[in-house]
PDB file of N, CA and C in Angstrom:
ATOM      1  N   MET A   1      16.198  -7.058 -16.379  1.00  0.00           N
ATOM      2  CA  MET A   1      15.054  -6.162 -16.307  1.00  0.00           C
ATOM      3  C   MET A   1      13.791  -6.911 -16.698  1.00  0.00           C
ATOM      4  N   GLN A   2      12.738  -6.726 -15.891  1.00  0.00           N
ATOM      5  CA  GLN A   2      11.489  -7.417 -16.160  1.00  0.00           C
ATOM      6  C   GLN A   2      10.738  -6.771 -17.309  1.00  0.00           C
ATOM      7  N   ASP A   3      10.007  -7.599 -18.012  1.00  0.00           N
ATOM      8  CA  ASP A   3       9.128  -7.120 -19.057  1.00  0.00           C
ATOM      9  C   ASP A   3       8.071  -6.208 -18.429  1.00  0.00           C
ATOM     10  N   LYS A   4       7.780  -5.066 -19.063  1.00  0.00           N
ATOM     11  CA  LYS A   4       6.842  -4.099 -18.485  1.00  0.00           C
ATOM     12  C   LYS A   4       5.468  -4.708 -18.276  1.00  0.00           C
ATOM     13  N   GLU A   5       5.017  -5.523 -19.207  1.00  0.00           N
ATOM     14  CA  GLU A   5       3.702  -6.146 -19.072  1.00  0.00           C
ATOM     15  C   GLU A   5       3.679  -7.082 -17.875  1.00  0.00           C
ATOM     16  N   GLU A   6       4.749  -7.813 -17.656  1.00  0.00           N
ATOM     17  CA  GLU A   6       4.845  -8.730 -16.526  1.00  0.00           C
ATOM     18  C   GLU A   6       4.811  -7.952 -15.210  1.00  0.00           C
ATOM     19  N   GLU A   7       5.483  -6.802 -15.166  1.00  0.00           N
ATOM     20  CA  GLU A   7       5.533  -5.978 -13.962  1.00  0.00           C
ATOM     21  C   GLU A   7       4.157  -5.426 -13.611  1.00  0.00           C
ATOM     22  N   ARG A   8       3.278  -5.265 -14.594  1.00  0.00           N
ATOM     23  CA  ARG A   8       1.959  -4.697 -14.357  1.00  0.00           C
ATOM     24  C   ARG A   8       1.015  -5.672 -13.666  1.00  0.00           C
ATOM     25  N   SER A   9       1.370  -6.932 -13.597  1.00  0.00           N
ATOM     26  CA  SER A   9       0.515  -7.920 -12.966  1.00  0.00           C
ATOM     27  C   SER A   9       0.580  -7.767 -11.449  1.00  0.00           C
ATOM     28  N   LEU A  10      -0.574  -7.649 -10.822  1.00  0.00           N
ATOM     29  CA  LEU A  10      -0.649  -7.512  -9.370  1.00  0.00           C
ATOM     30  C   LEU A  10       0.045  -8.677  -8.675  1.00  0.00           C
ATOM     31  N   ILE A  11      -0.173  -9.864  -9.159  1.00  0.00           N
ATOM     32  CA  ILE A  11       0.433 -11.044  -8.537  1.00  0.00           C
ATOM     33  C   ILE A  11       1.950 -10.982  -8.625  1.00  0.00           C
ATOM     34  N   ASN A  12       2.493 -10.585  -9.773  1.00  0.00           N
ATOM     35  CA  ASN A  12       3.950 -10.505  -9.921  1.00  0.00           C
ATOM     36  C   ASN A  12       4.557  -9.415  -9.045  1.00  0.00           C
ATOM     37  N   VAL A  13       3.881  -8.288  -8.935  1.00  0.00           N
ATOM     38  CA  VAL A  13       4.371  -7.212  -8.066  1.00  0.00           C
ATOM     39  C   VAL A  13       4.345  -7.678  -6.620  1.00  0.00           C
ATOM     40  N   GLU A  14       3.261  -8.346  -6.203  1.00  0.00           N
ATOM     41  CA  GLU A  14       3.179  -8.850  -4.835  1.00  0.00           C
ATOM     42  C   GLU A  14       4.296  -9.865  -4.551  1.00  0.00           C
ATOM     43  N   LYS A  15       4.570 -10.726  -5.498  1.00  0.00           N
ATOM     44  CA  LYS A  15       5.658 -11.709  -5.317  1.00  0.00           C
ATOM     45  C   LYS A  15       7.000 -11.006  -5.164  1.00  0.00           C
ATOM     46  N   ARG A  16       7.263 -10.000  -5.988  1.00  0.00           N
ATOM     47  CA  ARG A  16       8.532  -9.272  -5.911  1.00  0.00           C
ATOM     48  C   ARG A  16       8.651  -8.544  -4.580  1.00  0.00           C
ATOM     49  N   LEU A  17       7.590  -7.884  -4.157  1.00  0.00           N
ATOM     50  CA  LEU A  17       7.617  -7.178  -2.881  1.00  0.00           C
ATOM     51  C   LEU A  17       7.824  -8.156  -1.727  1.00  0.00           C
ATOM     52  N   ASP A  18       7.215  -9.312  -1.811  1.00  0.00           N
ATOM     53  CA  ASP A  18       7.399 -10.338  -0.788  1.00  0.00           C
ATOM     54  C   ASP A  18       8.872 -10.739  -0.692  1.00  0.00           C
ATOM     55  N   ARG A  19       9.518 -10.914  -1.844  1.00  0.00           N
ATOM     56  CA  ARG A  19      10.954 -11.249  -1.864  1.00  0.00           C
ATOM     57  C   ARG A  19      11.791 -10.125  -1.261  1.00  0.00           C
ATOM     58  N   GLU A  20      11.306  -8.880  -1.384  1.00  0.00           N
ATOM     59  CA  GLU A  20      12.020  -7.720  -0.847  1.00  0.00           C
ATOM     60  C   GLU A  20      11.694  -7.466   0.630  1.00  0.00           C
ATOM     61  N   GLY A  21      10.925  -8.373   1.235  1.00  0.00           N
ATOM     62  CA  GLY A  21      10.650  -8.282   2.664  1.00  0.00           C
ATOM     63  C   GLY A  21       9.326  -7.642   3.036  1.00  0.00           C
ATOM     64  N   PHE A  22       8.497  -7.289   2.062  1.00  0.00           N
ATOM     65  CA  PHE A  22       7.186  -6.700   2.345  1.00  0.00           C
ATOM     66  C   PHE A  22       6.182  -7.839   2.529  1.00  0.00           C
ATOM     67  N   THR A  23       6.260  -8.491   3.679  1.00  0.00           N
ATOM     68  CA  THR A  23       5.509  -9.725   3.909  1.00  0.00           C
ATOM     69  C   THR A  23       4.246  -9.538   4.747  1.00  0.00           C
ATOM     70  N   ALA A  24       4.122  -8.448   5.477  1.00  0.00           N
ATOM     71  CA  ALA A  24       2.940  -8.231   6.318  1.00  0.00           C
ATOM     72  C   ALA A  24       1.755  -7.793   5.463  1.00  0.00           C
ATOM     73  N   ASP A  25       0.577  -8.194   5.886  1.00  0.00           N
ATOM     74  CA  ASP A  25      -0.663  -7.730   5.262  1.00  0.00           C
ATOM     75  C   ASP A  25      -1.284  -6.710   6.204  1.00  0.00           C
ATOM     76  N   PHE A  26      -1.510  -5.509   5.680  1.00  0.00           N
ATOM     77  CA  PHE A  26      -2.066  -4.435   6.491  1.00  0.00           C
ATOM     78  C   PHE A  26      -3.536  -4.226   6.174  1.00  0.00           C
ATOM     79  N   LYS A  27      -4.253  -3.672   7.151  1.00  0.00           N
ATOM     80  CA  LYS A  27      -5.617  -3.189   6.953  1.00  0.00           C
ATOM     81  C   LYS A  27      -5.756  -1.933   7.814  1.00  0.00           C
ATOM     82  N   VAL A  28      -6.783  -1.145   7.560  1.00  0.00           N
ATOM     83  CA  VAL A  28      -7.051   0.040   8.379  1.00  0.00           C
ATOM     84  C   VAL A  28      -8.290  -0.253   9.210  1.00  0.00           C
ATOM     85  N   SER A  29      -8.145  -0.026  10.518  1.00  0.00           N
ATOM     86  CA  SER A  29      -9.246  -0.227  11.445  1.00  0.00           C
ATOM     87  C   SER A  29      -9.179   0.842  12.530  1.00  0.00           C
ATOM     88  N   GLN A  30     -10.303   1.456  12.813  1.00  0.00           N
ATOM     89  CA  GLN A  30     -10.399   2.492  13.838  1.00  0.00           C
ATOM     90  C   GLN A  30      -9.363   3.605  13.637  1.00  0.00           C
ATOM     91  N   GLY A  31      -9.116   3.946  12.372  1.00  0.00           N
ATOM     92  CA  GLY A  31      -8.204   5.038  12.048  1.00  0.00           C
ATOM     93  C   GLY A  31      -6.737   4.723  12.187  1.00  0.00           C
ATOM     94  N   LYS A  32      -6.403   3.448  12.345  1.00  0.00           N
ATOM     95  CA  LYS A  32      -5.003   3.037  12.489  1.00  0.00           C
ATOM     96  C   LYS A  32      -4.681   1.932  11.482  1.00  0.00           C
ATOM     97  N   LEU A  33      -3.395   1.833  11.160  1.00  0.00           N
ATOM     98  CA  LEU A  33      -2.928   0.762  10.293  1.00  0.00           C
ATOM     99  C   LEU A  33      -2.669  -0.454  11.167  1.00  0.00           C
ATOM    100  N   CYS A  34      -3.245  -1.575  10.816  1.00  0.00           N
ATOM    101  CA  CYS A  34      -3.121  -2.797  11.607  1.00  0.00           C
ATOM    102  C   CYS A  34      -2.415  -3.880  10.796  1.00  0.00           C
ATOM    103  N   VAL A  35      -1.587  -4.670  11.493  1.00  0.00           N
ATOM    104  CA  VAL A  35      -0.966  -5.833  10.866  1.00  0.00           C
ATOM    105  C   VAL A  35      -1.938  -6.989  11.073  1.00  0.00           C
ATOM    106  N   MET A  36      -2.456  -7.531   9.987  1.00  0.00           N
ATOM    107  CA  MET A  36      -3.441  -8.606  10.084  1.00  0.00           C
ATOM    108  C   MET A  36      -2.804  -9.818  10.775  1.00  0.00           C
ATOM    109  N   GLY A  37      -3.572 -10.428  11.680  1.00  0.00           N
ATOM    110  CA  GLY A  37      -3.101 -11.598  12.401  1.00  0.00           C
ATOM    111  C   GLY A  37      -2.296 -11.275  13.650  1.00  0.00           C
ATOM    112  N   THR A  38      -2.141  -9.980  13.960  1.00  0.00           N
ATOM    113  CA  THR A  38      -1.423  -9.562  15.167  1.00  0.00           C
ATOM    114  C   THR A  38      -2.222  -8.461  15.852  1.00  0.00           C
ATOM    115  N   ASP A  39      -1.713  -7.984  16.976  1.00  0.00           N
ATOM    116  CA  ASP A  39      -2.374  -6.862  17.647  1.00  0.00           C
ATOM    117  C   ASP A  39      -1.627  -5.551  17.417  1.00  0.00           C
ATOM    118  N   LYS A  40      -0.685  -5.537  16.456  1.00  0.00           N
ATOM    119  CA  LYS A  40       0.085  -4.322  16.163  1.00  0.00           C
ATOM    120  C   LYS A  40      -0.785  -3.304  15.423  1.00  0.00           C
ATOM    121  N   MET A  41      -0.714  -2.048  15.909  1.00  0.00           N
ATOM    122  CA  MET A  41      -1.452  -0.954  15.287  1.00  0.00           C
ATOM    123  C   MET A  41      -0.536   0.262  15.206  1.00  0.00           C
ATOM    124  N   TYR A  42      -0.674   1.041  14.136  1.00  0.00           N
ATOM    125  CA  TYR A  42       0.194   2.195  13.908  1.00  0.00           C
ATOM    126  C   TYR A  42      -0.630   3.428  13.567  1.00  0.00           C
ATOM    127  N   ASN A  43      -0.181   4.559  14.078  1.00  0.00           N
ATOM    128  CA  ASN A  43      -0.733   5.849  13.694  1.00  0.00           C
ATOM    129  C   ASN A  43      -0.067   6.294  12.395  1.00  0.00           C
ATOM    130  N   ALA A  44      -0.652   7.287  11.735  1.00  0.00           N
ATOM    131  CA  ALA A  44      -0.119   7.774  10.457  1.00  0.00           C
ATOM    132  C   ALA A  44       1.335   8.215  10.572  1.00  0.00           C
ATOM    133  N   GLU A  45       1.716   8.826  11.689  1.00  0.00           N
ATOM    134  CA  GLU A  45       3.096   9.308  11.835  1.00  0.00           C
ATOM    135  C   GLU A  45       4.108   8.176  11.995  1.00  0.00           C
ATOM    136  N   ASP A  46       3.630   6.941  12.172  1.00  0.00           N
ATOM    137  CA  ASP A  46       4.517   5.779  12.329  1.00  0.00           C
ATOM    138  C   ASP A  46       4.655   4.978  11.044  1.00  0.00           C
ATOM    139  N   VAL A  47       4.184   5.541   9.935  1.00  0.00           N
ATOM    140  CA  VAL A  47       4.089   4.801   8.682  1.00  0.00           C
ATOM    141  C   VAL A  47       4.716   5.599   7.542  1.00  0.00           C
ATOM    142  N   GLN A  48       5.407   4.887   6.649  1.00  0.00           N
ATOM    143  CA  GLN A  48       5.967   5.498   5.447  1.00  0.00           C
ATOM    144  C   GLN A  48       5.509   4.713   4.223  1.00  0.00           C
ATOM    145  N   ILE A  49       5.018   5.425   3.213  1.00  0.00           N
ATOM    146  CA  ILE A  49       4.694   4.786   1.938  1.00  0.00           C
ATOM    147  C   ILE A  49       5.992   4.705   1.150  1.00  0.00           C
ATOM    148  N   VAL A  50       6.476   3.494   0.930  1.00  0.00           N
ATOM    149  CA  VAL A  50       7.740   3.285   0.224  1.00  0.00           C
ATOM    150  C   VAL A  50       7.530   3.354  -1.284  1.00  0.00           C
ATOM    151  N   ASP A  51       6.429   2.791  -1.755  1.00  0.00           N
ATOM    152  CA  ASP A  51       6.143   2.779  -3.192  1.00  0.00           C
ATOM    153  C   ASP A  51       4.665   2.455  -3.382  1.00  0.00           C
ATOM    154  N   PHE A  52       4.175   2.650  -4.586  1.00  0.00           N
ATOM    155  CA  PHE A  52       2.803   2.265  -4.902  1.00  0.00           C
ATOM    156  C   PHE A  52       2.717   1.872  -6.368  1.00  0.00           C
ATOM    157  N   TYR A  53       1.738   1.051  -6.686  1.00  0.00           N
ATOM    158  CA  TYR A  53       1.555   0.498  -8.026  1.00  0.00           C
ATOM    159  C   TYR A  53       0.076   0.558  -8.365  1.00  0.00           C
ATOM    160  N   ARG A  54      -0.220   1.086  -9.553  1.00  0.00           N
ATOM    161  CA  ARG A  54      -1.613   1.173 -10.012  1.00  0.00           C
ATOM    162  C   ARG A  54      -1.879   0.072 -11.029  1.00  0.00           C
ATOM    163  N   PHE A  55      -3.073  -0.485 -10.944  1.00  0.00           N
ATOM    164  CA  PHE A  55      -3.481  -1.549 -11.854  1.00  0.00           C
ATOM    165  C   PHE A  55      -4.852  -1.228 -12.422  1.00  0.00           C
ATOM    166  N   GLU A  56      -5.012  -1.485 -13.719  1.00  0.00           N
ATOM    167  CA  GLU A  56      -6.290  -1.270 -14.380  1.00  0.00           C
ATOM    168  C   GLU A  56      -6.864  -2.609 -14.775  1.00  0.00           C
ATOM    169  N   GLY A  57      -8.200  -2.703 -14.679  1.00  0.00           N
ATOM    170  CA  GLY A  57      -8.879  -3.926 -15.080  1.00  0.00           C
ATOM    171  C   GLY A  57      -8.738  -4.162 -16.573  1.00  0.00           C
ATOM    172  N   GLU A  58      -8.679  -5.423 -16.938  1.00  0.00           N
ATOM    173  CA  GLU A  58      -8.526  -5.800 -18.350  1.00  0.00           C
ATOM    174  C   GLU A  58      -9.682  -5.271 -19.207  1.00  0.00           C
ATOM    175  N   SER A  59     -10.901  -5.435 -18.705  1.00  0.00           N
ATOM    176  CA  SER A  59     -12.048  -5.083 -19.534  1.00  0.00           C
ATOM    177  C   SER A  59     -12.919  -3.977 -18.945  1.00  0.00           C
ATOM    178  N   ASP A  60     -12.714  -3.663 -17.675  1.00  0.00           N
ATOM    179  CA  ASP A  60     -13.585  -2.701 -17.014  1.00  0.00           C
ATOM    180  C   ASP A  60     -12.762  -1.662 -16.264  1.00  0.00           C
ATOM    181  N   PRO A  61     -12.844  -0.396 -16.663  1.00  0.00           N
ATOM    182  CA  PRO A  61     -12.078   0.650 -15.987  1.00  0.00           C
ATOM    183  C   PRO A  61     -12.419   0.772 -14.495  1.00  0.00           C
ATOM    184  N   ASP A  62     -13.601   0.274 -14.092  1.00  0.00           N
ATOM    185  CA  ASP A  62     -13.977   0.305 -12.676  1.00  0.00           C
ATOM    186  C   ASP A  62     -13.184  -0.700 -11.844  1.00  0.00           C
ATOM    187  N   ASP A  63     -12.432  -1.563 -12.498  1.00  0.00           N
ATOM    188  CA  ASP A  63     -11.631  -2.569 -11.797  1.00  0.00           C
ATOM    189  C   ASP A  63     -10.240  -2.050 -11.450  1.00  0.00           C
ATOM    190  N   MET A  64     -10.077  -0.750 -11.354  1.00  0.00           N
ATOM    191  CA  MET A  64      -8.769  -0.186 -11.044  1.00  0.00           C
ATOM    192  C   MET A  64      -8.474  -0.338  -9.556  1.00  0.00           C
ATOM    193  N   SER A  65      -7.196  -0.613  -9.251  1.00  0.00           N
ATOM    194  CA  SER A  65      -6.778  -0.723  -7.861  1.00  0.00           C
ATOM    195  C   SER A  65      -5.365  -0.184  -7.710  1.00  0.00           C
ATOM    196  N   ILE A  66      -4.960   0.001  -6.458  1.00  0.00           N
ATOM    197  CA  ILE A  66      -3.630   0.488  -6.157  1.00  0.00           C
ATOM    198  C   ILE A  66      -3.076  -0.339  -5.001  1.00  0.00           C
ATOM    199  N   LEU A  67      -1.811  -0.709  -5.108  1.00  0.00           N
ATOM    200  CA  LEU A  67      -1.124  -1.481  -4.081  1.00  0.00           C
ATOM    201  C   LEU A  67      -0.031  -0.603  -3.496  1.00  0.00           C
ATOM    202  N   TYR A  68      -0.032  -0.452  -2.180  1.00  0.00           N
ATOM    203  CA  TYR A  68       0.972   0.352  -1.488  1.00  0.00           C
ATOM    204  C   TYR A  68       1.963  -0.562  -0.782  1.00  0.00           C
ATOM    205  N   ALA A  69       3.259  -0.265  -0.926  1.00  0.00           N
ATOM    206  CA  ALA A  69       4.318  -0.911  -0.147  1.00  0.00           C
ATOM    207  C   ALA A  69       4.597   0.028   1.020  1.00  0.00           C
ATOM    208  N   ILE A  70       4.471  -0.478   2.235  1.00  0.00           N
ATOM    209  CA  ILE A  70       4.532   0.352   3.435  1.00  0.00           C
ATOM    210  C   ILE A  70       5.570  -0.199   4.405  1.00  0.00           C
ATOM    211  N   GLU A  71       6.254   0.735   5.102  1.00  0.00           N
ATOM    212  CA  GLU A  71       7.168   0.353   6.173  1.00  0.00           C
ATOM    213  C   GLU A  71       6.822   1.181   7.409  1.00  0.00           C
ATOM    214  N   THR A  72       6.853   0.519   8.569  1.00  0.00           N
ATOM    215  CA  THR A  72       6.547   1.201   9.824  1.00  0.00           C
ATOM    216  C   THR A  72       7.843   1.602  10.523  1.00  0.00           C
ATOM    217  N   THR A  73       7.720   2.466  11.520  1.00  0.00           N
ATOM    218  CA  THR A  73       8.900   2.961  12.238  1.00  0.00           C
ATOM    219  C   THR A  73       9.646   1.857  12.972  1.00  0.00           C
ATOM    220  N   ASP A  74       8.969   0.758  13.301  1.00  0.00           N
ATOM    221  CA  ASP A  74       9.666  -0.349  13.965  1.00  0.00           C
ATOM    222  C   ASP A  74      10.097  -1.447  12.992  1.00  0.00           C
ATOM    223  N   GLY A  75      10.057  -1.135  11.678  1.00  0.00           N
ATOM    224  CA  GLY A  75      10.628  -2.027  10.677  1.00  0.00           C
ATOM    225  C   GLY A  75       9.703  -3.042  10.047  1.00  0.00           C
ATOM    226  N   VAL A  76       8.428  -3.029  10.387  1.00  0.00           N
ATOM    227  CA  VAL A  76       7.491  -3.956   9.755  1.00  0.00           C
ATOM    228  C   VAL A  76       7.233  -3.464   8.331  1.00  0.00           C
ATOM    229  N   LYS A  77       7.388  -4.382   7.364  1.00  0.00           N
ATOM    230  CA  LYS A  77       7.177  -4.038   5.954  1.00  0.00           C
ATOM    231  C   LYS A  77       6.066  -4.907   5.401  1.00  0.00           C
ATOM    232  N   GLY A  78       5.144  -4.264   4.671  1.00  0.00           N
ATOM    233  CA  GLY A  78       4.046  -5.013   4.099  1.00  0.00           C
ATOM    234  C   GLY A  78       3.303  -4.213   3.059  1.00  0.00           C
ATOM    235  N   THR A  79       2.125  -4.702   2.716  1.00  0.00           N
ATOM    236  CA  THR A  79       1.339  -4.077   1.659  1.00  0.00           C
ATOM    237  C   THR A  79      -0.107  -3.908   2.086  1.00  0.00           C
ATOM    238  N   ILE A  80      -0.746  -2.939   1.441  1.00  0.00           N
ATOM    239  CA  ILE A  80      -2.190  -2.745   1.559  1.00  0.00           C
ATOM    240  C   ILE A  80      -2.678  -2.299   0.187  1.00  0.00           C
ATOM    241  N   SER A  81      -3.848  -2.764  -0.186  1.00  0.00           N
ATOM    242  CA  SER A  81      -4.387  -2.373  -1.492  1.00  0.00           C
ATOM    243  C   SER A  81      -5.752  -1.729  -1.309  1.00  0.00           C
ATOM    244  N   ASN A  82      -6.141  -0.998  -2.331  1.00  0.00           N
ATOM    245  CA  ASN A  82      -7.449  -0.355  -2.330  1.00  0.00           C
ATOM    246  C   ASN A  82      -7.922  -0.224  -3.759  1.00  0.00           C
ATOM    247  N   SER A  83      -9.228  -0.136  -3.908  1.00  0.00           N
ATOM    248  CA  SER A  83      -9.836   0.076  -5.223  1.00  0.00           C
ATOM    249  C   SER A  83     -10.047   1.560  -5.440  1.00  0.00           C
ATOM    250  N   TYR A  84     -10.434   1.892  -6.661  1.00  0.00           N
ATOM    251  CA  TYR A  84     -10.805   3.266  -6.997  1.00  0.00           C
ATOM    252  C   TYR A  84     -12.310   3.353  -7.092  1.00  0.00           C
ATOM    253  N   GLY A  85     -12.823   4.568  -6.977  1.00  0.00           N
ATOM    254  CA  GLY A  85     -14.232   4.825  -7.246  1.00  0.00           C
ATOM    255  C   GLY A  85     -15.177   4.207  -6.240  1.00  0.00           C
ATOM    256  N   THR A  86     -16.251   3.648  -6.751  1.00  0.00           N
ATOM    257  CA  THR A  86     -17.336   3.113  -5.939  1.00  0.00           C
ATOM    258  C   THR A  86     -16.872   2.069  -4.932  1.00  0.00           C
ATOM    259  N   TYR A  87     -15.886   1.270  -5.321  1.00  0.00           N
ATOM    260  CA  TYR A  87     -15.466   0.151  -4.485  1.00  0.00           C
ATOM    261  C   TYR A  87     -14.344   0.513  -3.509  1.00  0.00           C
ATOM    262  N   ALA A  88     -13.888   1.739  -3.523  1.00  0.00           N
ATOM    263  CA  ALA A  88     -12.779   2.161  -2.654  1.00  0.00           C
ATOM    264  C   ALA A  88     -13.194   2.101  -1.188  1.00  0.00           C
ATOM    265  N   ASP A  89     -12.240   1.730  -0.346  1.00  0.00           N
ATOM    266  CA  ASP A  89     -12.443   1.729   1.103  1.00  0.00           C
ATOM    267  C   ASP A  89     -12.051   3.113   1.610  1.00  0.00           C
ATOM    268  N   SER A  90     -13.034   3.893   2.039  1.00  0.00           N
ATOM    269  CA  SER A  90     -12.757   5.268   2.456  1.00  0.00           C
ATOM    270  C   SER A  90     -11.851   5.325   3.689  1.00  0.00           C
ATOM    271  N   ASN A  91     -11.856   4.290   4.524  1.00  0.00           N
ATOM    272  CA  ASN A  91     -10.967   4.250   5.687  1.00  0.00           C
ATOM    273  C   ASN A  91      -9.498   4.157   5.260  1.00  0.00           C
ATOM    274  N   VAL A  92      -9.231   3.339   4.255  1.00  0.00           N
ATOM    275  CA  VAL A  92      -7.859   3.203   3.736  1.00  0.00           C
ATOM    276  C   VAL A  92      -7.437   4.519   3.099  1.00  0.00           C
ATOM    277  N   ASP A  93      -8.308   5.102   2.280  1.00  0.00           N
ATOM    278  CA  ASP A  93      -7.999   6.382   1.631  1.00  0.00           C
ATOM    279  C   ASP A  93      -7.681   7.460   2.660  1.00  0.00           C
ATOM    280  N   ALA A  94      -8.510   7.574   3.697  1.00  0.00           N
ATOM    281  CA  ALA A  94      -8.323   8.619   4.710  1.00  0.00           C
ATOM    282  C   ALA A  94      -7.010   8.431   5.462  1.00  0.00           C
ATOM    283  N   PHE A  95      -6.679   7.176   5.816  1.00  0.00           N
ATOM    284  CA  PHE A  95      -5.438   6.930   6.550  1.00  0.00           C
ATOM    285  C   PHE A  95      -4.217   7.256   5.684  1.00  0.00           C
ATOM    286  N   LEU A  96      -4.205   6.777   4.456  1.00  0.00           N
ATOM    287  CA  LEU A  96      -3.049   7.013   3.580  1.00  0.00           C
ATOM    288  C   LEU A  96      -2.918   8.490   3.217  1.00  0.00           C
ATOM    289  N   LYS A  97      -4.032   9.215   3.151  1.00  0.00           N
ATOM    290  CA  LYS A  97      -3.978  10.664   2.936  1.00  0.00           C
ATOM    291  C   LYS A  97      -3.283  11.335   4.116  1.00  0.00           C
ATOM    292  N   GLN A  98      -3.555  10.883   5.333  1.00  0.00           N
ATOM    293  CA  GLN A  98      -2.880  11.415   6.525  1.00  0.00           C
ATOM    294  C   GLN A  98      -1.372  11.180   6.422  1.00  0.00           C
ATOM    295  N   VAL A  99      -0.977   9.976   6.006  1.00  0.00           N
ATOM    296  CA  VAL A  99       0.441   9.649   5.867  1.00  0.00           C
ATOM    297  C   VAL A  99       1.084  10.587   4.855  1.00  0.00           C
ATOM    298  N   GLU A 100       0.424  10.773   3.706  1.00  0.00           N
ATOM    299  CA  GLU A 100       0.952  11.665   2.670  1.00  0.00           C
ATOM    300  C   GLU A 100       1.044  13.098   3.173  1.00  0.00           C
ATOM    301  N   ASP A 101       0.032  13.546   3.904  1.00  0.00           N
ATOM    302  CA  ASP A 101       0.033  14.913   4.420  1.00  0.00           C
ATOM    303  C   ASP A 101       1.164  15.151   5.418  1.00  0.00           C
ATOM    304  N   LEU A 102       1.576  14.103   6.110  1.00  0.00           N
ATOM    305  CA  LEU A 102       2.690  14.207   7.055  1.00  0.00           C
ATOM    306  C   LEU A 102       4.042  14.194   6.330  1.00  0.00           C
ATOM    307  N   GLY A 103       3.991  13.981   5.002  1.00  0.00           N
ATOM    308  CA  GLY A 103       5.237  13.942   4.230  1.00  0.00           C
ATOM    309  C   GLY A 103       6.021  12.672   4.444  1.00  0.00           C
ATOM    310  N   LYS A 104       5.308  11.579   4.752  1.00  0.00           N
ATOM    311  CA  LYS A 104       5.973  10.325   5.075  1.00  0.00           C
ATOM    312  C   LYS A 104       6.106   9.398   3.869  1.00  0.00           C
ATOM    313  N   ASN A 105       5.841   9.909   2.686  1.00  0.00           N
ATOM    314  CA  ASN A 105       6.063   9.064   1.522  1.00  0.00           C
ATOM    315  C   ASN A 105       7.470   9.309   0.985  1.00  0.00           C
ATOM    316  N   LEU A 106       8.012   8.327   0.326  1.00  0.00           N
ATOM    317  CA  LEU A 106       9.412   8.323  -0.095  1.00  0.00           C
ATOM    318  C   LEU A 106       9.764   9.502  -0.976  1.00  0.00           C
ATOM    319  N   ASP A 107       8.901   9.871  -1.923  1.00  0.00           N
ATOM    320  CA  ASP A 107       9.220  10.950  -2.849  1.00  0.00           C
ATOM    321  C   ASP A 107       9.498  12.257  -2.116  1.00  0.00           C
ATOM    322  N   LYS A 108       8.670  12.601  -1.164  1.00  0.00           N
ATOM    323  CA  LYS A 108       8.849  13.852  -0.435  1.00  0.00           C
ATOM    324  C   LYS A 108      10.061  13.794   0.480  1.00  0.00           C
ATOM    325  N   LYS A 109      10.359  12.617   1.000  1.00  0.00           N
ATOM    326  CA  LYS A 109      11.491  12.468   1.920  1.00  0.00           C
ATOM    327  C   LYS A 109      12.826  12.692   1.226  1.00  0.00           C
ATOM    328  N   ASN A 110      12.871  12.368  -0.053  1.00  0.00           N
ATOM    329  CA  ASN A 110      14.122  12.485  -0.799  1.00  0.00           C
ATOM    330  C   ASN A 110      14.327  13.859  -1.413  1.00  0.00           C
ATOM    331  N   LYS A 111      13.401  14.780  -1.218  1.00  0.00           N
ATOM    332  CA  LYS A 111      13.519  16.110  -1.825  1.00  0.00           C
ATOM    333  C   LYS A 111      14.066  17.092  -0.830  1.00  0.00           C
TER     334      LYS A 111
END
């Protein structure tokens, strides 16, 4: 079992997710989830939030961010991150809200 403090590090979580096959880097563009470096694009109904991790800045509460582990219907696994507050990307927030509203996150699927 990993030390809780070690697990809270964004870099360590990203490394673990990479080992678990979450290797794609996602971004949101034109209302769709895109795999960076490819022409693959997904609608909200083609995406599942597998897990998410929140991180707080060491000295500044405005440095909060969240990392999502995502899997698509065709098996692509990767991550996307976003900030909170002023620095948040509203496109990422809007897309992931659509995914959650469709009930495509793991917690709702298991209930």
